Amino acid sequence: ISHFQVEEKDKMNEWVRLTSTDGYDFLVKRKVAMCSGTLRNSLSAESRFSEALSNTCHINERAVIVEKLCEYLSYKSLYEGAKKNEEIPDFQERVYPEISLELLLAADYYDGLSIHVSVCRSLPT
């Protein structure tokens, strides 16, 4: 394998495709996808799951939910190492009440535990 082929393979592995049940694809950086324990396990090279080989995870959710999961994982990745005194915007403002319950269930499955607080606050009472 040439140096160029190794570089190309590394670039391809930098991105992961998340596919919704209604056929939409979302490309996210591997680092972002790894913020989810479920996706991390699926994409781990040691797992030998088809997701790890293809860099594609089929998410059993509608596109609107997968999009919000991607957004949350990006948010989590960005603010994960934030200092305690650093101001972090509230993710709750980004959650539409119409999808709150569905997003809560998806967050539970994909280990988006921190999203629970934001989603629960946006549920209609």
PDB file of N, CA and C in Angstrom:
ATOM      1  N   ILE A   1       0.856  -1.176   0.000  1.00  0.00           N
ATOM      2  CA  ILE A   1       0.000   0.000   0.000  1.00  0.00           C
ATOM      3  C   ILE A   1       0.902   1.239   0.000  1.00  0.00           C
ATOM      4  N   SER A   2       0.594   2.151  -0.906  1.00  0.00           N
ATOM      5  CA  SER A   2       1.385   3.371  -1.005  1.00  0.00           C
ATOM      6  C   SER A   2       0.973   4.368   0.083  1.00  0.00           C
ATOM      7  N   HIS A   3       1.828   5.343   0.285  1.00  0.00           N
ATOM      8  CA  HIS A   3       1.557   6.402   1.261  1.00  0.00           C
ATOM      9  C   HIS A   3       0.285   7.156   0.881  1.00  0.00           C
ATOM     10  N   PHE A   4       0.095   7.380  -0.420  1.00  0.00           N
ATOM     11  CA  PHE A   4      -1.093   8.087  -0.910  1.00  0.00           C
ATOM     12  C   PHE A   4      -2.362   7.304  -0.577  1.00  0.00           C
ATOM     13  N   GLN A   5      -2.351   5.980  -0.752  1.00  0.00           N
ATOM     14  CA  GLN A   5      -3.524   5.157  -0.448  1.00  0.00           C
ATOM     15  C   GLN A   5      -3.853   5.192   1.038  1.00  0.00           C
ATOM     16  N   VAL A   6      -2.847   5.186   1.876  1.00  0.00           N
ATOM     17  CA  VAL A   6      -3.056   5.254   3.329  1.00  0.00           C
ATOM     18  C   VAL A   6      -3.680   6.594   3.696  1.00  0.00           C
ATOM     19  N   GLU A   7      -3.170   7.692   3.104  1.00  0.00           N
ATOM     20  CA  GLU A   7      -3.740   9.019   3.375  1.00  0.00           C
ATOM     21  C   GLU A   7      -5.199   9.094   2.937  1.00  0.00           C
ATOM     22  N   GLU A   8      -5.512   8.540   1.761  1.00  0.00           N
ATOM     23  CA  GLU A   8      -6.887   8.559   1.266  1.00  0.00           C
ATOM     24  C   GLU A   8      -7.805   7.769   2.193  1.00  0.00           C
ATOM     25  N   LYS A   9      -7.344   6.614   2.654  1.00  0.00           N
ATOM     26  CA  LYS A   9      -8.152   5.795   3.557  1.00  0.00           C
ATOM     27  C   LYS A   9      -8.392   6.529   4.878  1.00  0.00           C
ATOM     28  N   ASP A  10      -7.361   7.220   5.392  1.00  0.00           N
ATOM     29  CA  ASP A  10      -7.512   7.999   6.626  1.00  0.00           C
ATOM     30  C   ASP A  10      -8.530   9.113   6.440  1.00  0.00           C
ATOM     31  N   LYS A  11      -8.512   9.784   5.286  1.00  0.00           N
ATOM     32  CA  LYS A  11      -9.479  10.845   5.015  1.00  0.00           C
ATOM     33  C   LYS A  11     -10.896  10.286   4.956  1.00  0.00           C
ATOM     34  N   MET A  12     -11.058   9.118   4.338  1.00  0.00           N
ATOM     35  CA  MET A  12     -12.386   8.500   4.259  1.00  0.00           C
ATOM     36  C   MET A  12     -12.880   8.109   5.647  1.00  0.00           C
ATOM     37  N   ASN A  13     -11.989   7.629   6.495  1.00  0.00           N
ATOM     38  CA  ASN A  13     -12.359   7.207   7.840  1.00  0.00           C
ATOM     39  C   ASN A  13     -12.615   8.385   8.778  1.00  0.00           C
ATOM     40  N   GLU A  14     -12.258   9.589   8.342  1.00  0.00           N
ATOM     41  CA  GLU A  14     -12.480  10.770   9.160  1.00  0.00           C
ATOM     42  C   GLU A  14     -13.972  11.097   9.242  1.00  0.00           C
ATOM     43  N   TRP A  15     -14.746  10.638   8.284  1.00  0.00           N
ATOM     44  CA  TRP A  15     -16.175  10.925   8.205  1.00  0.00           C
ATOM     45  C   TRP A  15     -16.998   9.658   8.354  1.00  0.00           C
ATOM     46  N   VAL A  16     -18.183   9.795   8.933  1.00  0.00           N
ATOM     47  CA  VAL A  16     -19.109   8.684   9.127  1.00  0.00           C
ATOM     48  C   VAL A  16     -20.456   9.091   8.530  1.00  0.00           C
ATOM     49  N   ARG A  17     -21.117   8.154   7.893  1.00  0.00           N
ATOM     50  CA  ARG A  17     -22.438   8.413   7.308  1.00  0.00           C
ATOM     51  C   ARG A  17     -23.500   7.834   8.235  1.00  0.00           C
ATOM     52  N   LEU A  18     -24.457   8.680   8.619  1.00  0.00           N
ATOM     53  CA  LEU A  18     -25.604   8.239   9.410  1.00  0.00           C
ATOM     54  C   LEU A  18     -26.819   8.318   8.495  1.00  0.00           C
ATOM     55  N   THR A  19     -27.528   7.207   8.350  1.00  0.00           N
ATOM     56  CA  THR A  19     -28.655   7.126   7.431  1.00  0.00           C
ATOM     57  C   THR A  19     -29.948   6.958   8.212  1.00  0.00           C
ATOM     58  N   SER A  20     -30.928   7.794   7.888  1.00  0.00           N
ATOM     59  CA  SER A  20     -32.224   7.742   8.571  1.00  0.00           C
ATOM     60  C   SER A  20     -33.133   6.711   7.908  1.00  0.00           C
ATOM     61  N   THR A  21     -34.229   6.379   8.580  1.00  0.00           N
ATOM     62  CA  THR A  21     -35.173   5.398   8.030  1.00  0.00           C
ATOM     63  C   THR A  21     -35.874   5.905   6.779  1.00  0.00           C
ATOM     64  N   ASP A  22     -35.964   7.232   6.635  1.00  0.00           N
ATOM     65  CA  ASP A  22     -36.608   7.769   5.439  1.00  0.00           C
ATOM     66  C   ASP A  22     -35.604   8.107   4.331  1.00  0.00           C
ATOM     67  N   GLY A  23     -34.374   7.547   4.451  1.00  0.00           N
ATOM     68  CA  GLY A  23     -33.422   7.591   3.356  1.00  0.00           C
ATOM     69  C   GLY A  23     -32.484   8.784   3.278  1.00  0.00           C
ATOM     70  N   TYR A  24     -32.465   9.633   4.278  1.00  0.00           N
ATOM     71  CA  TYR A  24     -31.553  10.776   4.257  1.00  0.00           C
ATOM     72  C   TYR A  24     -30.222  10.380   4.876  1.00  0.00           C
ATOM     73  N   ASP A  25     -29.142  10.889   4.301  1.00  0.00           N
ATOM     74  CA  ASP A  25     -27.797  10.625   4.798  1.00  0.00           C
ATOM     75  C   ASP A  25     -27.221  11.883   5.432  1.00  0.00           C
ATOM     76  N   PHE A  26     -26.520  11.699   6.535  1.00  0.00           N
ATOM     77  CA  PHE A  26     -25.857  12.793   7.236  1.00  0.00           C
ATOM     78  C   PHE A  26     -24.403  12.397   7.418  1.00  0.00           C
ATOM     79  N   LEU A  27     -23.488  13.258   6.982  1.00  0.00           N
ATOM     80  CA  LEU A  27     -22.066  13.010   7.176  1.00  0.00           C
ATOM     81  C   LEU A  27     -21.596  13.800   8.388  1.00  0.00           C
ATOM     82  N   VAL A  28     -20.976  13.104   9.316  1.00  0.00           N
ATOM     83  CA  VAL A  28     -20.426  13.752  10.504  1.00  0.00           C
ATOM     84  C   VAL A  28     -18.990  13.267  10.693  1.00  0.00           C
ATOM     85  N   LYS A  29     -18.201  14.101  11.315  1.00  0.00           N
ATOM     86  CA  LYS A  29     -16.831  13.687  11.616  1.00  0.00           C
ATOM     87  C   LYS A  29     -16.889  12.517  12.594  1.00  0.00           C
ATOM     88  N   ARG A  30     -15.959  11.595  12.429  1.00  0.00           N
ATOM     89  CA  ARG A  30     -15.890  10.420  13.300  1.00  0.00           C
ATOM     90  C   ARG A  30     -15.789  10.853  14.765  1.00  0.00           C
ATOM     91  N   LYS A  31     -14.998  11.886  15.038  1.00  0.00           N
ATOM     92  CA  LYS A  31     -14.834  12.383  16.400  1.00  0.00           C
ATOM     93  C   LYS A  31     -16.188  12.765  16.998  1.00  0.00           C
ATOM     94  N   VAL A  32     -17.046  13.359  16.194  1.00  0.00           N
ATOM     95  CA  VAL A  32     -18.375  13.772  16.650  1.00  0.00           C
ATOM     96  C   VAL A  32     -19.244  12.541  16.911  1.00  0.00           C
ATOM     97  N   ALA A  33     -19.245  11.588  15.983  1.00  0.00           N
ATOM     98  CA  ALA A  33     -20.048  10.368  16.145  1.00  0.00           C
ATOM     99  C   ALA A  33     -19.621   9.587  17.383  1.00  0.00           C
ATOM    100  N   MET A  34     -18.346   9.649  17.713  1.00  0.00           N
ATOM    101  CA  MET A  34     -17.825   8.906  18.860  1.00  0.00           C
ATOM    102  C   MET A  34     -18.300   9.473  20.198  1.00  0.00           C
ATOM    103  N   CYS A  35     -18.983  10.610  20.190  1.00  0.00           N
ATOM    104  CA  CYS A  35     -19.563  11.152  21.426  1.00  0.00           C
ATOM    105  C   CYS A  35     -20.748  10.313  21.889  1.00  0.00           C
ATOM    106  N   SER A  36     -21.271   9.461  21.008  1.00  0.00           N
ATOM    107  CA  SER A  36     -22.350   8.543  21.361  1.00  0.00           C
ATOM    108  C   SER A  36     -21.737   7.181  21.661  1.00  0.00           C
ATOM    109  N   GLY A  37     -22.027   6.644  22.835  1.00  0.00           N
ATOM    110  CA  GLY A  37     -21.500   5.322  23.191  1.00  0.00           C
ATOM    111  C   GLY A  37     -21.963   4.242  22.234  1.00  0.00           C
ATOM    112  N   THR A  38     -23.215   4.317  21.803  1.00  0.00           N
ATOM    113  CA  THR A  38     -23.761   3.318  20.888  1.00  0.00           C
ATOM    114  C   THR A  38     -23.040   3.367  19.541  1.00  0.00           C
ATOM    115  N   LEU A  39     -22.874   4.573  19.000  1.00  0.00           N
ATOM    116  CA  LEU A  39     -22.169   4.712  17.722  1.00  0.00           C
ATOM    117  C   LEU A  39     -20.695   4.344  17.881  1.00  0.00           C
ATOM    118  N   ARG A  40     -20.089   4.722  18.994  1.00  0.00           N
ATOM    119  CA  ARG A  40     -18.687   4.382  19.247  1.00  0.00           C
ATOM    120  C   ARG A  40     -18.491   2.870  19.213  1.00  0.00           C
ATOM    121  N   ASN A  41     -19.385   2.126  19.855  1.00  0.00           N
ATOM    122  CA  ASN A  41     -19.284   0.662  19.849  1.00  0.00           C
ATOM    123  C   ASN A  41     -19.478   0.096  18.452  1.00  0.00           C
ATOM    124  N   SER A  42     -20.414   0.638  17.694  1.00  0.00           N
ATOM    125  CA  SER A  42     -20.691   0.153  16.340  1.00  0.00           C
ATOM    126  C   SER A  42     -19.541   0.434  15.391  1.00  0.00           C
ATOM    127  N   LEU A  43     -18.890   1.574  15.560  1.00  0.00           N
ATOM    128  CA  LEU A  43     -17.842   2.001  14.633  1.00  0.00           C
ATOM    129  C   LEU A  43     -16.444   1.558  15.035  1.00  0.00           C
ATOM    130  N   SER A  44     -16.324   0.950  16.195  1.00  0.00           N
ATOM    131  CA  SER A  44     -15.024   0.495  16.676  1.00  0.00           C
ATOM    132  C   SER A  44     -14.466  -0.581  15.739  1.00  0.00           C
ATOM    133  N   ALA A  45     -13.222  -0.414  15.339  1.00  0.00           N
ATOM    134  CA  ALA A  45     -12.575  -1.385  14.436  1.00  0.00           C
ATOM    135  C   ALA A  45     -12.537  -2.772  15.072  1.00  0.00           C
ATOM    136  N   GLU A  46     -12.402  -2.821  16.386  1.00  0.00           N
ATOM    137  CA  GLU A  46     -12.343  -4.116  17.086  1.00  0.00           C
ATOM    138  C   GLU A  46     -13.675  -4.857  17.034  1.00  0.00           C
ATOM    139  N   SER A  47     -14.765  -4.132  16.847  1.00  0.00           N
ATOM    140  CA  SER A  47     -16.091  -4.752  16.863  1.00  0.00           C
ATOM    141  C   SER A  47     -16.338  -5.633  15.644  1.00  0.00           C
ATOM    142  N   ARG A  48     -15.711  -5.267  14.539  1.00  0.00           N
ATOM    143  CA  ARG A  48     -15.905  -5.963  13.256  1.00  0.00           C
ATOM    144  C   ARG A  48     -17.361  -5.943  12.797  1.00  0.00           C
ATOM    145  N   PHE A  49     -18.138  -4.978  13.301  1.00  0.00           N
ATOM    146  CA  PHE A  49     -19.509  -4.788  12.822  1.00  0.00           C
ATOM    147  C   PHE A  49     -19.455  -4.229  11.410  1.00  0.00           C
ATOM    148  N   SER A  50     -20.506  -4.434  10.658  1.00  0.00           N
ATOM    149  CA  SER A  50     -20.549  -3.909   9.287  1.00  0.00           C
ATOM    150  C   SER A  50     -20.437  -2.387   9.289  1.00  0.00           C
ATOM    151  N   GLU A  51     -20.942  -1.735  10.348  1.00  0.00           N
ATOM    152  CA  GLU A  51     -20.839  -0.278  10.453  1.00  0.00           C
ATOM    153  C   GLU A  51     -19.384   0.169  10.494  1.00  0.00           C
ATOM    154  N   ALA A  52     -18.552  -0.598  11.196  1.00  0.00           N
ATOM    155  CA  ALA A  52     -17.133  -0.258  11.300  1.00  0.00           C
ATOM    156  C   ALA A  52     -16.439  -0.415   9.952  1.00  0.00           C
ATOM    157  N   LEU A  53     -16.849  -1.403   9.189  1.00  0.00           N
ATOM    158  CA  LEU A  53     -16.231  -1.653   7.887  1.00  0.00           C
ATOM    159  C   LEU A  53     -16.675  -0.647   6.833  1.00  0.00           C
ATOM    160  N   SER A  54     -17.928  -0.228   6.897  1.00  0.00           N
ATOM    161  CA  SER A  54     -18.473   0.662   5.862  1.00  0.00           C
ATOM    162  C   SER A  54     -18.505   2.138   6.268  1.00  0.00           C
ATOM    163  N   ASN A  55     -18.213   2.423   7.552  1.00  0.00           N
ATOM    164  CA  ASN A  55     -18.327   3.793   8.082  1.00  0.00           C
ATOM    165  C   ASN A  55     -19.735   4.346   7.905  1.00  0.00           C
ATOM    166  N   THR A  56     -20.726   3.467   7.945  1.00  0.00           N
ATOM    167  CA  THR A  56     -22.126   3.860   7.781  1.00  0.00           C
ATOM    168  C   THR A  56     -22.951   3.234   8.891  1.00  0.00           C
ATOM    169  N   CYS A  57     -23.736   4.069   9.569  1.00  0.00           N
ATOM    170  CA  CYS A  57     -24.648   3.576  10.603  1.00  0.00           C
ATOM    171  C   CYS A  57     -26.073   3.872  10.169  1.00  0.00           C
ATOM    172  N   HIS A  58     -26.896   2.846  10.177  1.00  0.00           N
ATOM    173  CA  HIS A  58     -28.311   3.017   9.857  1.00  0.00           C
ATOM    174  C   HIS A  58     -29.028   3.308  11.172  1.00  0.00           C
ATOM    175  N   ILE A  59     -29.561   4.516  11.256  1.00  0.00           N
ATOM    176  CA  ILE A  59     -30.228   4.975  12.470  1.00  0.00           C
ATOM    177  C   ILE A  59     -31.724   4.731  12.301  1.00  0.00           C
ATOM    178  N   ASN A  60     -32.327   4.046  13.243  1.00  0.00           N
ATOM    179  CA  ASN A  60     -33.740   3.689  13.153  1.00  0.00           C
ATOM    180  C   ASN A  60     -34.621   4.854  13.617  1.00  0.00           C
ATOM    181  N   GLU A  61     -34.422   5.998  12.969  1.00  0.00           N
ATOM    182  CA  GLU A  61     -35.164   7.221  13.294  1.00  0.00           C
ATOM    183  C   GLU A  61     -35.415   8.006  12.010  1.00  0.00           C
ATOM    184  N   ARG A  62     -36.421   8.889  12.059  1.00  0.00           N
ATOM    185  CA  ARG A  62     -36.696   9.781  10.930  1.00  0.00           C
ATOM    186  C   ARG A  62     -35.561  10.800  10.789  1.00  0.00           C
ATOM    187  N   ALA A  63     -35.450  11.390   9.607  1.00  0.00           N
ATOM    188  CA  ALA A  63     -34.369  12.341   9.325  1.00  0.00           C
ATOM    189  C   ALA A  63     -34.346  13.512  10.293  1.00  0.00           C
ATOM    190  N   VAL A  64     -35.519  14.023  10.658  1.00  0.00           N
ATOM    191  CA  VAL A  64     -35.566  15.182  11.562  1.00  0.00           C
ATOM    192  C   VAL A  64     -34.930  14.846  12.914  1.00  0.00           C
ATOM    193  N   ILE A  65     -35.051  13.618  13.346  1.00  0.00           N
ATOM    194  CA  ILE A  65     -34.459  13.183  14.619  1.00  0.00           C
ATOM    195  C   ILE A  65     -32.964  12.951  14.446  1.00  0.00           C
ATOM    196  N   VAL A  66     -32.568  12.305  13.349  1.00  0.00           N
ATOM    197  CA  VAL A  66     -31.138  12.066  13.093  1.00  0.00           C
ATOM    198  C   VAL A  66     -30.407  13.404  12.956  1.00  0.00           C
ATOM    199  N   GLU A  67     -31.038  14.345  12.282  1.00  0.00           N
ATOM    200  CA  GLU A  67     -30.433  15.669  12.130  1.00  0.00           C
ATOM    201  C   GLU A  67     -30.196  16.317  13.501  1.00  0.00           C
ATOM    202  N   LYS A  68     -31.176  16.222  14.388  1.00  0.00           N
ATOM    203  CA  LYS A  68     -31.046  16.821  15.719  1.00  0.00           C
ATOM    204  C   LYS A  68     -30.012  16.051  16.551  1.00  0.00           C
ATOM    205  N   LEU A  69     -29.933  14.735  16.378  1.00  0.00           N
ATOM    206  CA  LEU A  69     -28.895  13.956  17.067  1.00  0.00           C
ATOM    207  C   LEU A  69     -27.506  14.387  16.599  1.00  0.00           C
ATOM    208  N   CYS A  70     -27.351  14.577  15.285  1.00  0.00           N
ATOM    209  CA  CYS A  70     -26.072  15.041  14.736  1.00  0.00           C
ATOM    210  C   CYS A  70     -25.723  16.414  15.304  1.00  0.00           C
ATOM    211  N   GLU A  71     -26.714  17.270  15.359  1.00  0.00           N
ATOM    212  CA  GLU A  71     -26.507  18.615  15.894  1.00  0.00           C
ATOM    213  C   GLU A  71     -26.090  18.544  17.358  1.00  0.00           C
ATOM    214  N   TYR A  72     -26.757  17.681  18.125  1.00  0.00           N
ATOM    215  CA  TYR A  72     -26.409  17.555  19.535  1.00  0.00           C
ATOM    216  C   TYR A  72     -25.013  16.965  19.721  1.00  0.00           C
ATOM    217  N   LEU A  73     -24.669  15.957  18.928  1.00  0.00           N
ATOM    218  CA  LEU A  73     -23.343  15.352  19.048  1.00  0.00           C
ATOM    219  C   LEU A  73     -22.251  16.360  18.696  1.00  0.00           C
ATOM    220  N   SER A  74     -22.519  17.223  17.715  1.00  0.00           N
ATOM    221  CA  SER A  74     -21.574  18.300  17.368  1.00  0.00           C
ATOM    222  C   SER A  74     -21.437  19.278  18.527  1.00  0.00           C
ATOM    223  N   TYR A  75     -22.569  19.631  19.110  1.00  0.00           N
ATOM    224  CA  TYR A  75     -22.611  20.523  20.272  1.00  0.00           C
ATOM    225  C   TYR A  75     -21.816  19.910  21.426  1.00  0.00           C
ATOM    226  N   LYS A  76     -22.062  18.635  21.685  1.00  0.00           N
ATOM    227  CA  LYS A  76     -21.382  17.936  22.777  1.00  0.00           C
ATOM    228  C   LYS A  76     -19.872  17.878  22.533  1.00  0.00           C
ATOM    229  N   SER A  77     -19.485  17.581  21.313  1.00  0.00           N
ATOM    230  CA  SER A  77     -18.075  17.504  20.953  1.00  0.00           C
ATOM    231  C   SER A  77     -17.391  18.865  21.124  1.00  0.00           C
ATOM    232  N   LEU A  78     -18.081  19.910  20.724  1.00  0.00           N
ATOM    233  CA  LEU A  78     -17.524  21.261  20.801  1.00  0.00           C
ATOM    234  C   LEU A  78     -17.333  21.723  22.239  1.00  0.00           C
ATOM    235  N   TYR A  79     -18.305  21.447  23.108  1.00  0.00           N
ATOM    236  CA  TYR A  79     -18.268  21.977  24.473  1.00  0.00           C
ATOM    237  C   TYR A  79     -17.806  20.965  25.519  1.00  0.00           C
ATOM    238  N   GLU A  80     -17.430  19.781  25.083  1.00  0.00           N
ATOM    239  CA  GLU A  80     -17.014  18.721  26.002  1.00  0.00           C
ATOM    240  C   GLU A  80     -15.869  19.144  26.914  1.00  0.00           C
ATOM    241  N   GLY A  81     -14.899  19.829  26.363  1.00  0.00           N
ATOM    242  CA  GLY A  81     -13.736  20.216  27.153  1.00  0.00           C
ATOM    243  C   GLY A  81     -13.800  21.644  27.656  1.00  0.00           C
ATOM    244  N   ALA A  82     -14.996  22.205  27.711  1.00  0.00           N
ATOM    245  CA  ALA A  82     -15.147  23.600  28.137  1.00  0.00           C
ATOM    246  C   ALA A  82     -14.758  23.765  29.598  1.00  0.00           C
ATOM    247  N   LYS A  83     -14.190  24.910  29.877  1.00  0.00           N
ATOM    248  CA  LYS A  83     -13.832  25.227  31.263  1.00  0.00           C
ATOM    249  C   LYS A  83     -15.113  25.532  32.047  1.00  0.00           C
ATOM    250  N   LYS A  84     -15.056  25.338  33.342  1.00  0.00           N
ATOM    251  CA  LYS A  84     -16.244  25.532  34.193  1.00  0.00           C
ATOM    252  C   LYS A  84     -16.797  26.948  34.119  1.00  0.00           C
ATOM    253  N   ASN A  85     -15.944  27.935  33.919  1.00  0.00           N
ATOM    254  CA  ASN A  85     -16.414  29.317  33.873  1.00  0.00           C
ATOM    255  C   ASN A  85     -16.795  29.769  32.455  1.00  0.00           C
ATOM    256  N   GLU A  86     -16.617  28.885  31.469  1.00  0.00           N
ATOM    257  CA  GLU A  86     -16.967  29.218  30.087  1.00  0.00           C
ATOM    258  C   GLU A  86     -18.481  29.135  29.892  1.00  0.00           C
ATOM    259  N   GLU A  87     -19.031  30.137  29.236  1.00  0.00           N
ATOM    260  CA  GLU A  87     -20.470  30.147  28.989  1.00  0.00           C
ATOM    261  C   GLU A  87     -20.808  29.203  27.841  1.00  0.00           C
ATOM    262  N   ILE A  88     -21.737  28.307  28.104  1.00  0.00           N
ATOM    263  CA  ILE A  88     -22.163  27.324  27.103  1.00  0.00           C
ATOM    264  C   ILE A  88     -23.628  27.584  26.775  1.00  0.00           C
ATOM    265  N   PRO A  89     -23.938  27.768  25.495  1.00  0.00           N
ATOM    266  CA  PRO A  89     -25.340  28.005  25.132  1.00  0.00           C
ATOM    267  C   PRO A  89     -26.216  26.802  25.468  1.00  0.00           C
ATOM    268  N   ASP A  90     -27.447  27.054  25.830  1.00  0.00           N
ATOM    269  CA  ASP A  90     -28.384  26.006  26.201  1.00  0.00           C
ATOM    270  C   ASP A  90     -28.894  25.303  24.942  1.00  0.00           C
ATOM    271  N   PHE A  91     -28.779  24.007  24.892  1.00  0.00           N
ATOM    272  CA  PHE A  91     -29.223  23.250  23.718  1.00  0.00           C
ATOM    273  C   PHE A  91     -30.750  23.213  23.625  1.00  0.00           C
ATOM    274  N   GLN A  92     -31.414  23.433  24.740  1.00  0.00           N
ATOM    275  CA  GLN A  92     -32.878  23.370  24.802  1.00  0.00           C
ATOM    276  C   GLN A  92     -33.528  24.253  23.747  1.00  0.00           C
ATOM    277  N   GLU A  93     -32.941  25.387  23.477  1.00  0.00           N
ATOM    278  CA  GLU A  93     -33.503  26.324  22.505  1.00  0.00           C
ATOM    279  C   GLU A  93     -33.542  25.743  21.095  1.00  0.00           C
ATOM    280  N   ARG A  94     -32.765  24.718  20.858  1.00  0.00           N
ATOM    281  CA  ARG A  94     -32.691  24.099  19.528  1.00  0.00           C
ATOM    282  C   ARG A  94     -33.657  22.932  19.357  1.00  0.00           C
ATOM    283  N   VAL A  95     -34.358  22.568  20.410  1.00  0.00           N
ATOM    284  CA  VAL A  95     -35.248  21.403  20.367  1.00  0.00           C
ATOM    285  C   VAL A  95     -36.690  21.861  20.154  1.00  0.00           C
ATOM    286  N   TYR A  96     -37.282  21.407  19.072  1.00  0.00           N
ATOM    287  CA  TYR A  96     -38.675  21.744  18.782  1.00  0.00           C
ATOM    288  C   TYR A  96     -39.592  20.880  19.650  1.00  0.00           C
ATOM    289  N   PRO A  97     -40.588  21.469  20.286  1.00  0.00           N
ATOM    290  CA  PRO A  97     -41.487  20.698  21.147  1.00  0.00           C
ATOM    291  C   PRO A  97     -42.149  19.518  20.429  1.00  0.00           C
ATOM    292  N   GLU A  98     -42.401  19.668  19.129  1.00  0.00           N
ATOM    293  CA  GLU A  98     -43.088  18.607  18.366  1.00  0.00           C
ATOM    294  C   GLU A  98     -42.280  17.309  18.289  1.00  0.00           C
ATOM    295  N   ILE A  99     -40.956  17.412  18.422  1.00  0.00           N
ATOM    296  CA  ILE A  99     -40.126  16.207  18.313  1.00  0.00           C
ATOM    297  C   ILE A  99     -39.496  15.816  19.646  1.00  0.00           C
ATOM    298  N   SER A 100     -39.856  16.497  20.719  1.00  0.00           N
ATOM    299  CA  SER A 100     -39.212  16.296  22.022  1.00  0.00           C
ATOM    300  C   SER A 100     -39.236  14.849  22.495  1.00  0.00           C
ATOM    301  N   LEU A 101     -40.403  14.242  22.484  1.00  0.00           N
ATOM    302  CA  LEU A 101     -40.525  12.877  22.994  1.00  0.00           C
ATOM    303  C   LEU A 101     -39.737  11.888  22.140  1.00  0.00           C
ATOM    304  N   GLU A 102     -39.874  12.011  20.842  1.00  0.00           N
ATOM    305  CA  GLU A 102     -39.151  11.138  19.915  1.00  0.00           C
ATOM    306  C   GLU A 102     -37.633  11.310  20.076  1.00  0.00           C
ATOM    307  N   LEU A 103     -37.202  12.550  20.245  1.00  0.00           N
ATOM    308  CA  LEU A 103     -35.783  12.836  20.437  1.00  0.00           C
ATOM    309  C   LEU A 103     -35.286  12.292  21.769  1.00  0.00           C
ATOM    310  N   LEU A 104     -36.111  12.366  22.784  1.00  0.00           N
ATOM    311  CA  LEU A 104     -35.762  11.835  24.098  1.00  0.00           C
ATOM    312  C   LEU A 104     -35.500  10.331  24.022  1.00  0.00           C
ATOM    313  N   LEU A 105     -36.360   9.611  23.320  1.00  0.00           N
ATOM    314  CA  LEU A 105     -36.181   8.168  23.163  1.00  0.00           C
ATOM    315  C   LEU A 105     -34.911   7.845  22.383  1.00  0.00           C
ATOM    316  N   ALA A 106     -34.661   8.603  21.317  1.00  0.00           N
ATOM    317  CA  ALA A 106     -33.458   8.386  20.519  1.00  0.00           C
ATOM    318  C   ALA A 106     -32.208   8.709  21.334  1.00  0.00           C
ATOM    319  N   ALA A 107     -32.263   9.795  22.104  1.00  0.00           N
ATOM    320  CA  ALA A 107     -31.121  10.185  22.932  1.00  0.00           C
ATOM    321  C   ALA A 107     -30.797   9.103  23.947  1.00  0.00           C
ATOM    322  N   ASP A 108     -31.822   8.486  24.495  1.00  0.00           N
ATOM    323  CA  ASP A 108     -31.619   7.400  25.452  1.00  0.00           C
ATOM    324  C   ASP A 108     -30.878   6.243  24.789  1.00  0.00           C
ATOM    325  N   TYR A 109     -31.303   5.868  23.601  1.00  0.00           N
ATOM    326  CA  TYR A 109     -30.677   4.745  22.892  1.00  0.00           C
ATOM    327  C   TYR A 109     -29.248   5.067  22.467  1.00  0.00           C
ATOM    328  N   TYR A 110     -29.017   6.276  21.999  1.00  0.00           N
ATOM    329  CA  TYR A 110     -27.695   6.641  21.497  1.00  0.00           C
ATOM    330  C   TYR A 110     -26.814   7.277  22.562  1.00  0.00           C
ATOM    331  N   ASP A 111     -27.152   7.069  23.815  1.00  0.00           N
ATOM    332  CA  ASP A 111     -26.349   7.537  24.944  1.00  0.00           C
ATOM    333  C   ASP A 111     -26.155   9.040  24.953  1.00  0.00           C
ATOM    334  N   GLY A 112     -27.146   9.772  24.503  1.00  0.00           N
ATOM    335  CA  GLY A 112     -27.071  11.227  24.572  1.00  0.00           C
ATOM    336  C   GLY A 112     -27.651  11.671  25.894  1.00  0.00           C
ATOM    337  N   LEU A 113     -27.084  11.179  26.982  1.00  0.00           N
ATOM    338  CA  LEU A 113     -27.670  11.389  28.304  1.00  0.00           C
ATOM    339  C   LEU A 113     -27.848  12.860  28.648  1.00  0.00           C
ATOM    340  N   SER A 114     -26.923  13.694  28.243  1.00  0.00           N
ATOM    341  CA  SER A 114     -27.017  15.118  28.580  1.00  0.00           C
ATOM    342  C   SER A 114     -28.170  15.796  27.870  1.00  0.00           C
ATOM    343  N   ILE A 115     -28.573  15.247  26.745  1.00  0.00           N
ATOM    344  CA  ILE A 115     -29.662  15.856  25.989  1.00  0.00           C
ATOM    345  C   ILE A 115     -30.992  15.681  26.725  1.00  0.00           C
ATOM    346  N   HIS A 116     -31.079  14.674  27.602  1.00  0.00           N
ATOM    347  CA  HIS A 116     -32.323  14.414  28.332  1.00  0.00           C
ATOM    348  C   HIS A 116     -32.825  15.648  29.070  1.00  0.00           C
ATOM    349  N   VAL A 117     -31.920  16.333  29.729  1.00  0.00           N
ATOM    350  CA  VAL A 117     -32.322  17.496  30.513  1.00  0.00           C
ATOM    351  C   VAL A 117     -32.946  18.550  29.603  1.00  0.00           C
ATOM    352  N   SER A 118     -32.295  18.824  28.482  1.00  0.00           N
ATOM    353  CA  SER A 118     -32.806  19.838  27.546  1.00  0.00           C
ATOM    354  C   SER A 118     -34.146  19.419  26.960  1.00  0.00           C
ATOM    355  N   VAL A 119     -34.250  18.165  26.568  1.00  0.00           N
ATOM    356  CA  VAL A 119     -35.476  17.688  25.937  1.00  0.00           C
ATOM    357  C   VAL A 119     -36.616  17.686  26.934  1.00  0.00           C
ATOM    358  N   CYS A 120     -36.362  17.221  28.143  1.00  0.00           N
ATOM    359  CA  CYS A 120     -37.434  17.182  29.155  1.00  0.00           C
ATOM    360  C   CYS A 120     -37.960  18.572  29.462  1.00  0.00           C
ATOM    361  N   ARG A 121     -37.084  19.567  29.455  1.00  0.00           N
ATOM    362  CA  ARG A 121     -37.518  20.927  29.721  1.00  0.00           C
ATOM    363  C   ARG A 121     -38.396  21.467  28.595  1.00  0.00           C
ATOM    364  N   SER A 122     -38.228  20.927  27.381  1.00  0.00           N
ATOM    365  CA  SER A 122     -39.012  21.465  26.255  1.00  0.00           C
ATOM    366  C   SER A 122     -40.300  20.684  26.014  1.00  0.00           C
ATOM    367  N   LEU A 123     -40.531  19.612  26.779  1.00  0.00           N
ATOM    368  CA  LEU A 123     -41.772  18.864  26.626  1.00  0.00           C
ATOM    369  C   LEU A 123     -42.957  19.717  27.093  1.00  0.00           C
ATOM    370  N   PRO A 124     -44.038  19.693  26.335  1.00  0.00           N
ATOM    371  CA  PRO A 124     -45.215  20.447  26.778  1.00  0.00           C
ATOM    372  C   PRO A 124     -45.776  19.848  28.062  1.00  0.00           C
ATOM    373  N   THR A 125     -46.271  20.688  28.947  1.00  0.00           N
ATOM    374  CA  THR A 125     -46.823  20.184  30.213  1.00  0.00           C
ATOM    375  C   THR A 125     -48.329  20.218  30.208  1.00  0.00           C
TER     376      THR A 125
END
